[in-house]
Each structure stands twice: as C-alpha cells, then as structure tokens.
Amino acid sequence: MANGKVINTITDYMNDDTRVSPAERERINFEVALIGKKIEARERKGLSQRALAEISGVKQPAIARLESLNATPQIDTLFKVLHPLGYTIEIVPLREKPSGV
C-alpha cells in the first residue's frame, strides 16, 4: 500500500501515478498494443514463429521473447519482423484530448 491507496488489480497499479508515471504507462500500453498487432498479423498470414524467423532473419527464440513481452524490442528488430508481415512503424502526433475529459 503506497500513499494509503489499496492496490487490488493491475489496473489499480497502472493507474497509480506514484507507482507508474504517465510516460511509463504510455510506453507499456504501446508495447502491449504493438506486440498484439504483430501477433495478429503473423497469425493472419498463417505463419509460425519459426516461419517468421526464416523470412525475417530474426531468430525464433527472439520472436518468442518479443511476443511474450519478455524483451523490449530494438527498432531494427521490429522493422525486420514487421516488414514481411506488411507493416512498418511511424511516428504520429498525440491526439489532444477534448477539454473536460
């Protein structure tokens, strides 16, 4: 219990700014979404991790670590695995939240 707040769920933990900063929360949410989309794209193409490893040049254990969120991917690794799946990465401006939200 930090600052008198009871933490019962991962959502409680993630939304507690004394434990997870807004920037860190954004990074975690991005990684989870990115890897989820990558897995969906791989499965949609009917590729196993091993097949993706063969066409991307990234070793299968590295792909497994990436997909299980046990490793933070390097940018070059992301490009290598996303390209054969028909995807890339781009930087876009943050959407501004409407006032009062």
PDB file of N, CA and C in Angstrom:
ATOM      1  N   MET A   1       0.852  -1.166   0.000  1.00  0.00           N
ATOM      2  CA  MET A   1       0.000   0.000   0.000  1.00  0.00           C
ATOM      3  C   MET A   1       0.901   1.234   0.000  1.00  0.00           C
ATOM      4  N   ALA A   2       0.844   2.033  -1.065  1.00  0.00           N
ATOM      5  CA  ALA A   2       1.613   3.269  -1.168  1.00  0.00           C
ATOM      6  C   ALA A   2       0.668   4.450  -1.037  1.00  0.00           C
ATOM      7  N   ASN A   3       1.087   5.419  -0.255  1.00  0.00           N
ATOM      8  CA  ASN A   3       0.274   6.624  -0.071  1.00  0.00           C
ATOM      9  C   ASN A   3      -1.136   6.308   0.406  1.00  0.00           C
ATOM     10  N   GLY A   4      -1.318   5.228   1.152  1.00  0.00           N
ATOM     11  CA  GLY A   4      -2.625   4.884   1.678  1.00  0.00           C
ATOM     12  C   GLY A   4      -3.580   4.278   0.669  1.00  0.00           C
ATOM     13  N   LYS A   5      -3.138   4.078  -0.567  1.00  0.00           N
ATOM     14  CA  LYS A   5      -4.011   3.522  -1.601  1.00  0.00           C
ATOM     15  C   LYS A   5      -3.895   2.002  -1.607  1.00  0.00           C
ATOM     16  N   VAL A   6      -5.037   1.349  -1.630  1.00  0.00           N
ATOM     17  CA  VAL A   6      -5.063  -0.105  -1.715  1.00  0.00           C
ATOM     18  C   VAL A   6      -5.015  -0.491  -3.192  1.00  0.00           C
ATOM     19  N   ILE A   7      -4.110  -1.392  -3.517  1.00  0.00           N
ATOM     20  CA  ILE A   7      -3.959  -1.866  -4.895  1.00  0.00           C
ATOM     21  C   ILE A   7      -4.501  -3.284  -4.945  1.00  0.00           C
ATOM     22  N   ASN A   8      -5.624  -3.461  -5.664  1.00  0.00           N
ATOM     23  CA  ASN A   8      -6.244  -4.781  -5.780  1.00  0.00           C
ATOM     24  C   ASN A   8      -6.055  -5.408  -7.150  1.00  0.00           C
ATOM     25  N   THR A   9      -5.850  -4.582  -8.149  1.00  0.00           N
ATOM     26  CA  THR A   9      -5.759  -5.106  -9.516  1.00  0.00           C
ATOM     27  C   THR A   9      -4.588  -4.458 -10.243  1.00  0.00           C
ATOM     28  N   ILE A  10      -4.212  -5.040 -11.359  1.00  0.00           N
ATOM     29  CA  ILE A  10      -3.156  -4.452 -12.191  1.00  0.00           C
ATOM     30  C   ILE A  10      -3.602  -3.086 -12.703  1.00  0.00           C
ATOM     31  N   THR A  11      -4.900  -2.913 -12.944  1.00  0.00           N
ATOM     32  CA  THR A  11      -5.420  -1.618 -13.382  1.00  0.00           C
ATOM     33  C   THR A  11      -5.214  -0.570 -12.299  1.00  0.00           C
ATOM     34  N   ASP A  12      -5.484  -0.932 -11.041  1.00  0.00           N
ATOM     35  CA  ASP A  12      -5.234  -0.016  -9.927  1.00  0.00           C
ATOM     36  C   ASP A  12      -3.753   0.384  -9.901  1.00  0.00           C
ATOM     37  N   TYR A  13      -2.896  -0.605 -10.046  1.00  0.00           N
ATOM     38  CA  TYR A  13      -1.452  -0.350 -10.025  1.00  0.00           C
ATOM     39  C   TYR A  13      -1.047   0.564 -11.174  1.00  0.00           C
ATOM     40  N   MET A  14      -1.490   0.231 -12.388  1.00  0.00           N
ATOM     41  CA  MET A  14      -1.114   1.008 -13.573  1.00  0.00           C
ATOM     42  C   MET A  14      -1.634   2.436 -13.513  1.00  0.00           C
ATOM     43  N   ASN A  15      -2.767   2.660 -12.873  1.00  0.00           N
ATOM     44  CA  ASN A  15      -3.353   3.995 -12.814  1.00  0.00           C
ATOM     45  C   ASN A  15      -2.895   4.810 -11.610  1.00  0.00           C
ATOM     46  N   ASP A  16      -1.991   4.268 -10.814  1.00  0.00           N
ATOM     47  CA  ASP A  16      -1.458   4.980  -9.659  1.00  0.00           C
ATOM     48  C   ASP A  16      -0.174   5.700 -10.088  1.00  0.00           C
ATOM     49  N   ASP A  17      -0.259   7.027 -10.233  1.00  0.00           N
ATOM     50  CA  ASP A  17       0.879   7.815 -10.704  1.00  0.00           C
ATOM     51  C   ASP A  17       2.083   7.751  -9.772  1.00  0.00           C
ATOM     52  N   THR A  18       1.902   7.329  -8.527  1.00  0.00           N
ATOM     53  CA  THR A  18       3.046   7.188  -7.625  1.00  0.00           C
ATOM     54  C   THR A  18       3.827   5.910  -7.916  1.00  0.00           C
ATOM     55  N   ARG A  19       3.227   4.995  -8.652  1.00  0.00           N
ATOM     56  CA  ARG A  19       3.878   3.730  -8.996  1.00  0.00           C
ATOM     57  C   ARG A  19       4.301   3.678 -10.454  1.00  0.00           C
ATOM     58  N   VAL A  20       3.447   4.187 -11.343  1.00  0.00           N
ATOM     59  CA  VAL A  20       3.718   4.151 -12.783  1.00  0.00           C
ATOM     60  C   VAL A  20       3.461   5.553 -13.333  1.00  0.00           C
ATOM     61  N   SER A  21       4.498   6.171 -13.861  1.00  0.00           N
ATOM     62  CA  SER A  21       4.343   7.523 -14.390  1.00  0.00           C
ATOM     63  C   SER A  21       3.485   7.484 -15.660  1.00  0.00           C
ATOM     64  N   PRO A  22       2.867   8.601 -16.009  1.00  0.00           N
ATOM     65  CA  PRO A  22       2.086   8.637 -17.253  1.00  0.00           C
ATOM     66  C   PRO A  22       2.919   8.237 -18.475  1.00  0.00           C
ATOM     67  N   ALA A  23       4.176   8.657 -18.519  1.00  0.00           N
ATOM     68  CA  ALA A  23       5.032   8.293 -19.656  1.00  0.00           C
ATOM     69  C   ALA A  23       5.293   6.791 -19.689  1.00  0.00           C
ATOM     70  N   GLU A  24       5.562   6.206 -18.535  1.00  0.00           N
ATOM     71  CA  GLU A  24       5.802   4.760 -18.465  1.00  0.00           C
ATOM     72  C   GLU A  24       4.532   3.995 -18.818  1.00  0.00           C
ATOM     73  N   ARG A  25       3.390   4.475 -18.358  1.00  0.00           N
ATOM     74  CA  ARG A  25       2.107   3.852 -18.683  1.00  0.00           C
ATOM     75  C   ARG A  25       1.893   3.863 -20.195  1.00  0.00           C
ATOM     76  N   GLU A  26       2.203   4.989 -20.824  1.00  0.00           N
ATOM     77  CA  GLU A  26       2.064   5.112 -22.280  1.00  0.00           C
ATOM     78  C   GLU A  26       2.968   4.114 -22.994  1.00  0.00           C
ATOM     79  N   ARG A  27       4.221   3.964 -22.506  1.00  0.00           N
ATOM     80  CA  ARG A  27       5.167   3.021 -23.121  1.00  0.00           C
ATOM     81  C   ARG A  27       4.667   1.588 -22.994  1.00  0.00           C
ATOM     82  N   ILE A  28       4.194   1.230 -21.811  1.00  0.00           N
ATOM     83  CA  ILE A  28       3.691  -0.128 -21.586  1.00  0.00           C
ATOM     84  C   ILE A  28       2.481  -0.402 -22.475  1.00  0.00           C
ATOM     85  N   ASN A  29       1.547   0.524 -22.510  1.00  0.00           N
ATOM     86  CA  ASN A  29       0.362   0.339 -23.361  1.00  0.00           C
ATOM     87  C   ASN A  29       0.741   0.217 -24.828  1.00  0.00           C
ATOM     88  N   PHE A  30       1.733   1.013 -25.259  1.00  0.00           N
ATOM     89  CA  PHE A  30       2.200   0.945 -26.642  1.00  0.00           C
ATOM     90  C   PHE A  30       2.802  -0.419 -26.946  1.00  0.00           C
ATOM     91  N   GLU A  31       3.681  -0.898 -26.060  1.00  0.00           N
ATOM     92  CA  GLU A  31       4.316  -2.205 -26.290  1.00  0.00           C
ATOM     93  C   GLU A  31       3.280  -3.316 -26.364  1.00  0.00           C
ATOM     94  N   VAL A  32       2.331  -3.318 -25.458  1.00  0.00           N
ATOM     95  CA  VAL A  32       1.295  -4.360 -25.441  1.00  0.00           C
ATOM     96  C   VAL A  32       0.489  -4.307 -26.745  1.00  0.00           C
ATOM     97  N   ALA A  33       0.090  -3.112 -27.163  1.00  0.00           N
ATOM     98  CA  ALA A  33      -0.692  -2.972 -28.401  1.00  0.00           C
ATOM     99  C   ALA A  33       0.136  -3.374 -29.621  1.00  0.00           C
ATOM    100  N   LEU A  34       1.385  -2.932 -29.667  1.00  0.00           N
ATOM    101  CA  LEU A  34       2.260  -3.238 -30.801  1.00  0.00           C
ATOM    102  C   LEU A  34       2.465  -4.741 -30.947  1.00  0.00           C
ATOM    103  N   ILE A  35       2.803  -5.402 -29.856  1.00  0.00           N
ATOM    104  CA  ILE A  35       3.063  -6.838 -29.922  1.00  0.00           C
ATOM    105  C   ILE A  35       1.774  -7.597 -30.226  1.00  0.00           C
ATOM    106  N   GLY A  36       0.665  -7.147 -29.674  1.00  0.00           N
ATOM    107  CA  GLY A  36      -0.615  -7.780 -30.006  1.00  0.00           C
ATOM    108  C   GLY A  36      -0.921  -7.708 -31.489  1.00  0.00           C
ATOM    109  N   LYS A  37      -0.709  -6.542 -32.096  1.00  0.00           N
ATOM    110  CA  LYS A  37      -0.939  -6.372 -33.539  1.00  0.00           C
ATOM    111  C   LYS A  37       0.031  -7.219 -34.345  1.00  0.00           C
ATOM    112  N   LYS A  38       1.282  -7.320 -33.885  1.00  0.00           N
ATOM    113  CA  LYS A  38       2.276  -8.124 -34.598  1.00  0.00           C
ATOM    114  C   LYS A  38       1.878  -9.600 -34.580  1.00  0.00           C
ATOM    115  N   ILE A  39       1.420 -10.081 -33.439  1.00  0.00           N
ATOM    116  CA  ILE A  39       0.979 -11.477 -33.344  1.00  0.00           C
ATOM    117  C   ILE A  39      -0.225 -11.708 -34.253  1.00  0.00           C
ATOM    118  N   GLU A  40      -1.183 -10.786 -34.225  1.00  0.00           N
ATOM    119  CA  GLU A  40      -2.358 -10.901 -35.100  1.00  0.00           C
ATOM    120  C   GLU A  40      -1.939 -10.965 -36.559  1.00  0.00           C
ATOM    121  N   ALA A  41      -1.014 -10.093 -36.960  1.00  0.00           N
ATOM    122  CA  ALA A  41      -0.565 -10.064 -38.363  1.00  0.00           C
ATOM    123  C   ALA A  41       0.132 -11.373 -38.738  1.00  0.00           C
ATOM    124  N   ARG A  42       0.966 -11.889 -37.836  1.00  0.00           N
ATOM    125  CA  ARG A  42       1.668 -13.162 -38.106  1.00  0.00           C
ATOM    126  C   ARG A  42       0.665 -14.290 -38.268  1.00  0.00           C
ATOM    127  N   GLU A  43      -0.302 -14.342 -37.352  1.00  0.00           N
ATOM    128  CA  GLU A  43      -1.297 -15.416 -37.422  1.00  0.00           C
ATOM    129  C   GLU A  43      -2.196 -15.267 -38.646  1.00  0.00           C
ATOM    130  N   ARG A  44      -2.551 -14.032 -39.016  1.00  0.00           N
ATOM    131  CA  ARG A  44      -3.380 -13.796 -40.193  1.00  0.00           C
ATOM    132  C   ARG A  44      -2.683 -14.291 -41.460  1.00  0.00           C
ATOM    133  N   LYS A  45      -1.354 -14.164 -41.493  1.00  0.00           N
ATOM    134  CA  LYS A  45      -0.572 -14.649 -42.643  1.00  0.00           C
ATOM    135  C   LYS A  45      -0.348 -16.150 -42.564  1.00  0.00           C
ATOM    136  N   GLY A  46      -0.769 -16.780 -41.463  1.00  0.00           N
ATOM    137  CA  GLY A  46      -0.606 -18.219 -41.310  1.00  0.00           C
ATOM    138  C   GLY A  46       0.828 -18.628 -41.028  1.00  0.00           C
ATOM    139  N   LEU A  47       1.591 -17.727 -40.428  1.00  0.00           N
ATOM    140  CA  LEU A  47       2.995 -18.010 -40.164  1.00  0.00           C
ATOM    141  C   LEU A  47       3.208 -18.427 -38.715  1.00  0.00           C
ATOM    142  N   SER A  48       4.050 -19.411 -38.528  1.00  0.00           N
ATOM    143  CA  SER A  48       4.507 -19.757 -37.186  1.00  0.00           C
ATOM    144  C   SER A  48       5.646 -18.811 -36.822  1.00  0.00           C
ATOM    145  N   GLN A  49       6.038 -18.830 -35.577  1.00  0.00           N
ATOM    146  CA  GLN A  49       7.207 -18.036 -35.191  1.00  0.00           C
ATOM    147  C   GLN A  49       8.436 -18.488 -35.979  1.00  0.00           C
ATOM    148  N   ARG A  50       8.557 -19.769 -36.167  1.00  0.00           N
ATOM    149  CA  ARG A  50       9.705 -20.311 -36.902  1.00  0.00           C
ATOM    150  C   ARG A  50       9.716 -19.826 -38.345  1.00  0.00           C
ATOM    151  N   ALA A  51       8.549 -19.824 -38.993  1.00  0.00           N
ATOM    152  CA  ALA A  51       8.474 -19.353 -40.381  1.00  0.00           C
ATOM    153  C   ALA A  51       8.803 -17.867 -40.464  1.00  0.00           C
ATOM    154  N   LEU A  52       8.298 -17.093 -39.513  1.00  0.00           N
ATOM    155  CA  LEU A  52       8.619 -15.664 -39.499  1.00  0.00           C
ATOM    156  C   LEU A  52      10.117 -15.465 -39.283  1.00  0.00           C
ATOM    157  N   ALA A  53      10.713 -16.282 -38.437  1.00  0.00           N
ATOM    158  CA  ALA A  53      12.155 -16.200 -38.202  1.00  0.00           C
ATOM    159  C   ALA A  53      12.916 -16.427 -39.505  1.00  0.00           C
ATOM    160  N   GLU A  54      12.503 -17.403 -40.276  1.00  0.00           N
ATOM    161  CA  GLU A  54      13.190 -17.722 -41.533  1.00  0.00           C
ATOM    162  C   GLU A  54      13.111 -16.577 -42.530  1.00  0.00           C
ATOM    163  N   ILE A  55      11.954 -15.928 -42.644  1.00  0.00           N
ATOM    164  CA  ILE A  55      11.818 -14.870 -43.649  1.00  0.00           C
ATOM    165  C   ILE A  55      12.286 -13.502 -43.148  1.00  0.00           C
ATOM    166  N   SER A  56      12.395 -13.347 -41.825  1.00  0.00           N
ATOM    167  CA  SER A  56      12.808 -12.047 -41.292  1.00  0.00           C
ATOM    168  C   SER A  56      14.292 -11.989 -40.944  1.00  0.00           C
ATOM    169  N   GLY A  57      14.894 -13.147 -40.706  1.00  0.00           N
ATOM    170  CA  GLY A  57      16.285 -13.170 -40.275  1.00  0.00           C
ATOM    171  C   GLY A  57      16.458 -12.967 -38.778  1.00  0.00           C
ATOM    172  N   VAL A  58      15.341 -12.923 -38.048  1.00  0.00           N
ATOM    173  CA  VAL A  58      15.387 -12.803 -36.588  1.00  0.00           C
ATOM    174  C   VAL A  58      15.168 -14.197 -36.017  1.00  0.00           C
ATOM    175  N   LYS A  59      16.012 -14.617 -35.111  1.00  0.00           N
ATOM    176  CA  LYS A  59      15.912 -15.977 -34.567  1.00  0.00           C
ATOM    177  C   LYS A  59      14.577 -16.203 -33.855  1.00  0.00           C
ATOM    178  N   GLN A  60      14.064 -17.426 -33.966  1.00  0.00           N
ATOM    179  CA  GLN A  60      12.764 -17.768 -33.376  1.00  0.00           C
ATOM    180  C   GLN A  60      12.704 -17.503 -31.871  1.00  0.00           C
ATOM    181  N   PRO A  61      13.748 -17.825 -31.084  1.00  0.00           N
ATOM    182  CA  PRO A  61      13.661 -17.513 -29.660  1.00  0.00           C
ATOM    183  C   PRO A  61      13.493 -16.011 -29.392  1.00  0.00           C
ATOM    184  N   ALA A  62      14.095 -15.181 -30.224  1.00  0.00           N
ATOM    185  CA  ALA A  62      13.944 -13.728 -30.066  1.00  0.00           C
ATOM    186  C   ALA A  62      12.508 -13.315 -30.366  1.00  0.00           C
ATOM    187  N   ILE A  63      11.896 -13.921 -31.367  1.00  0.00           N
ATOM    188  CA  ILE A  63      10.499 -13.640 -31.691  1.00  0.00           C
ATOM    189  C   ILE A  63       9.604 -14.091 -30.540  1.00  0.00           C
ATOM    190  N   ALA A  64       9.896 -15.245 -29.955  1.00  0.00           N
ATOM    191  CA  ALA A  64       9.115 -15.743 -28.818  1.00  0.00           C
ATOM    192  C   ALA A  64       9.228 -14.795 -27.622  1.00  0.00           C
ATOM    193  N   ARG A  65      10.442 -14.323 -27.334  1.00  0.00           N
ATOM    194  CA  ARG A  65      10.628 -13.368 -26.229  1.00  0.00           C
ATOM    195  C   ARG A  65       9.865 -12.075 -26.501  1.00  0.00           C
ATOM    196  N   LEU A  66       9.905 -11.626 -27.735  1.00  0.00           N
ATOM    197  CA  LEU A  66       9.186 -10.415 -28.126  1.00  0.00           C
ATOM    198  C   LEU A  66       7.684 -10.598 -27.933  1.00  0.00           C
ATOM    199  N   GLU A  67       7.151 -11.703 -28.414  1.00  0.00           N
ATOM    200  CA  GLU A  67       5.714 -11.954 -28.342  1.00  0.00           C
ATOM    201  C   GLU A  67       5.223 -12.192 -26.921  1.00  0.00           C
ATOM    202  N   SER A  68       6.084 -12.643 -26.040  1.00  0.00           N
ATOM    203  CA  SER A  68       5.675 -12.867 -24.650  1.00  0.00           C
ATOM    204  C   SER A  68       5.954 -11.652 -23.774  1.00  0.00           C
ATOM    205  N   LEU A  69       6.410 -10.570 -24.415  1.00  0.00           N
ATOM    206  CA  LEU A  69       6.755  -9.323 -23.715  1.00  0.00           C
ATOM    207  C   LEU A  69       7.871  -9.519 -22.698  1.00  0.00           C
ATOM    208  N   ASN A  70       8.730 -10.515 -22.941  1.00  0.00           N
ATOM    209  CA  ASN A  70       9.874 -10.749 -22.061  1.00  0.00           C
ATOM    210  C   ASN A  70      11.103  -9.983 -22.507  1.00  0.00           C
ATOM    211  N   ALA A  71      10.986  -9.237 -23.590  1.00  0.00           N
ATOM    212  CA  ALA A  71      12.106  -8.432 -24.080  1.00  0.00           C
ATOM    213  C   ALA A  71      11.539  -7.192 -24.749  1.00  0.00           C
ATOM    214  N   THR A  72      12.224  -6.090 -24.556  1.00  0.00           N
ATOM    215  CA  THR A  72      11.841  -4.862 -25.249  1.00  0.00           C
ATOM    216  C   THR A  72      12.547  -4.883 -26.597  1.00  0.00           C
ATOM    217  N   PRO A  73      11.784  -4.815 -27.673  1.00  0.00           N
ATOM    218  CA  PRO A  73      12.402  -4.951 -28.995  1.00  0.00           C
ATOM    219  C   PRO A  73      13.223  -3.731 -29.391  1.00  0.00           C
ATOM    220  N   GLN A  74      14.300  -3.986 -30.082  1.00  0.00           N
ATOM    221  CA  GLN A  74      15.086  -2.924 -30.694  1.00  0.00           C
ATOM    222  C   GLN A  74      14.356  -2.480 -31.964  1.00  0.00           C
ATOM    223  N   ILE A  75      14.530  -1.241 -32.350  1.00  0.00           N
ATOM    224  CA  ILE A  75      13.857  -0.711 -33.538  1.00  0.00           C
ATOM    225  C   ILE A  75      14.186  -1.552 -34.768  1.00  0.00           C
ATOM    226  N   ASP A  76      15.462  -1.900 -34.964  1.00  0.00           N
ATOM    227  CA  ASP A  76      15.824  -2.664 -36.160  1.00  0.00           C
ATOM    228  C   ASP A  76      15.166  -4.038 -36.162  1.00  0.00           C
ATOM    229  N   THR A  77      15.010  -4.647 -34.999  1.00  0.00           N
ATOM    230  CA  THR A  77      14.332  -5.947 -34.905  1.00  0.00           C
ATOM    231  C   THR A  77      12.867  -5.797 -35.292  1.00  0.00           C
ATOM    232  N   LEU A  78      12.224  -4.738 -34.808  1.00  0.00           N
ATOM    233  CA  LEU A  78      10.824  -4.508 -35.173  1.00  0.00           C
ATOM    234  C   LEU A  78      10.661  -4.386 -36.679  1.00  0.00           C
ATOM    235  N   PHE A  79      11.525  -3.588 -37.314  1.00  0.00           N
ATOM    236  CA  PHE A  79      11.429  -3.441 -38.762  1.00  0.00           C
ATOM    237  C   PHE A  79      11.632  -4.785 -39.471  1.00  0.00           C
ATOM    238  N   LYS A  80      12.575  -5.583 -38.984  1.00  0.00           N
ATOM    239  CA  LYS A  80      12.835  -6.880 -39.614  1.00  0.00           C
ATOM    240  C   LYS A  80      11.630  -7.812 -39.541  1.00  0.00           C
ATOM    241  N   VAL A  81      10.927  -7.836 -38.399  1.00  0.00           N
ATOM    242  CA  VAL A  81       9.798  -8.761 -38.267  1.00  0.00           C
ATOM    243  C   VAL A  81       8.505  -8.183 -38.837  1.00  0.00           C
ATOM    244  N   LEU A  82       8.366  -6.865 -38.832  1.00  0.00           N
ATOM    245  CA  LEU A  82       7.128  -6.268 -39.342  1.00  0.00           C
ATOM    246  C   LEU A  82       7.086  -6.218 -40.865  1.00  0.00           C
ATOM    247  N   HIS A  83       8.223  -5.999 -41.509  1.00  0.00           N
ATOM    248  CA  HIS A  83       8.239  -5.867 -42.971  1.00  0.00           C
ATOM    249  C   HIS A  83       7.648  -7.085 -43.683  1.00  0.00           C
ATOM    250  N   PRO A  84       8.051  -8.307 -43.354  1.00  0.00           N
ATOM    251  CA  PRO A  84       7.457  -9.465 -44.039  1.00  0.00           C
ATOM    252  C   PRO A  84       5.962  -9.629 -43.754  1.00  0.00           C
ATOM    253  N   LEU A  85       5.487  -8.985 -42.698  1.00  0.00           N
ATOM    254  CA  LEU A  85       4.066  -9.058 -42.356  1.00  0.00           C
ATOM    255  C   LEU A  85       3.271  -7.946 -43.041  1.00  0.00           C
ATOM    256  N   GLY A  86       3.999  -7.068 -43.756  1.00  0.00           N
ATOM    257  CA  GLY A  86       3.344  -5.982 -44.475  1.00  0.00           C
ATOM    258  C   GLY A  86       3.109  -4.742 -43.627  1.00  0.00           C
ATOM    259  N   TYR A  87       3.901  -4.555 -42.580  1.00  0.00           N
ATOM    260  CA  TYR A  87       3.734  -3.412 -41.686  1.00  0.00           C
ATOM    261  C   TYR A  87       5.035  -2.646 -41.517  1.00  0.00           C
ATOM    262  N   THR A  88       4.905  -1.425 -41.032  1.00  0.00           N
ATOM    263  CA  THR A  88       6.036  -0.600 -40.659  1.00  0.00           C
ATOM    264  C   THR A  88       5.649   0.183 -39.408  1.00  0.00           C
ATOM    265  N   ILE A  89       6.546   1.023 -38.949  1.00  0.00           N
ATOM    266  CA  ILE A  89       6.301   1.857 -37.771  1.00  0.00           C
ATOM    267  C   ILE A  89       6.415   3.306 -38.214  1.00  0.00           C
ATOM    268  N   GLU A  90       5.577   4.145 -37.653  1.00  0.00           N
ATOM    269  CA  GLU A  90       5.713   5.567 -37.929  1.00  0.00           C
ATOM    270  C   GLU A  90       5.445   6.361 -36.659  1.00  0.00           C
ATOM    271  N   ILE A  91       5.901   7.585 -36.656  1.00  0.00           N
ATOM    272  CA  ILE A  91       5.671   8.469 -35.519  1.00  0.00           C
ATOM    273  C   ILE A  91       4.541   9.415 -35.894  1.00  0.00           C
ATOM    274  N   VAL A  92       3.554   9.490 -35.031  1.00  0.00           N
ATOM    275  CA  VAL A  92       2.405  10.355 -35.273  1.00  0.00           C
ATOM    276  C   VAL A  92       2.191  11.245 -34.056  1.00  0.00           C
ATOM    277  N   PRO A  93       1.639  12.423 -34.268  1.00  0.00           N
ATOM    278  CA  PRO A  93       1.401  13.294 -33.119  1.00  0.00           C
ATOM    279  C   PRO A  93       0.347  12.707 -32.187  1.00  0.00           C
ATOM    280  N   LEU A  94       0.487  13.014 -30.909  1.00  0.00           N
ATOM    281  CA  LEU A  94      -0.523  12.597 -29.940  1.00  0.00           C
ATOM    282  C   LEU A  94      -1.822  13.326 -30.237  1.00  0.00           C
ATOM    283  N   ARG A  95      -2.912  12.632 -30.049  1.00  0.00           N
ATOM    284  CA  ARG A  95      -4.217  13.274 -30.193  1.00  0.00           C
ATOM    285  C   ARG A  95      -4.481  14.085 -28.939  1.00  0.00           C
ATOM    286  N   GLU A  96      -4.918  15.296 -29.121  1.00  0.00           N
ATOM    287  CA  GLU A  96      -5.263  16.115 -27.962  1.00  0.00           C
ATOM    288  C   GLU A  96      -6.620  15.688 -27.455  1.00  0.00           C
ATOM    289  N   LYS A  97      -6.719  15.575 -26.132  1.00  0.00           N
ATOM    290  CA  LYS A  97      -7.996  15.204 -25.516  1.00  0.00           C
ATOM    291  C   LYS A  97      -8.887  16.445 -25.467  1.00  0.00           C
ATOM    292  N   PRO A  98     -10.170  16.270 -25.776  1.00  0.00           N
ATOM    293  CA  PRO A  98     -11.069  17.420 -25.660  1.00  0.00           C
ATOM    294  C   PRO A  98     -11.097  17.935 -24.226  1.00  0.00           C
ATOM    295  N   SER A  99     -11.242  19.236 -24.049  1.00  0.00           N
ATOM    296  CA  SER A  99     -11.264  19.798 -22.700  1.00  0.00           C
ATOM    297  C   SER A  99     -12.454  19.223 -21.924  1.00  0.00           C
ATOM    298  N   GLY A 100     -12.253  19.038 -20.643  1.00  0.00           N
ATOM    299  CA  GLY A 100     -13.288  18.474 -19.798  1.00  0.00           C
ATOM    300  C   GLY A 100     -13.257  16.959 -19.733  1.00  0.00           C
ATOM    301  N   VAL A 101     -12.296  16.335 -20.418  1.00  0.00           N
ATOM    302  CA  VAL A 101     -12.199  14.875 -20.411  1.00  0.00           C
ATOM    303  C   VAL A 101     -11.099  14.448 -19.491  1.00  0.00           C
TER     304      VAL A 101
END
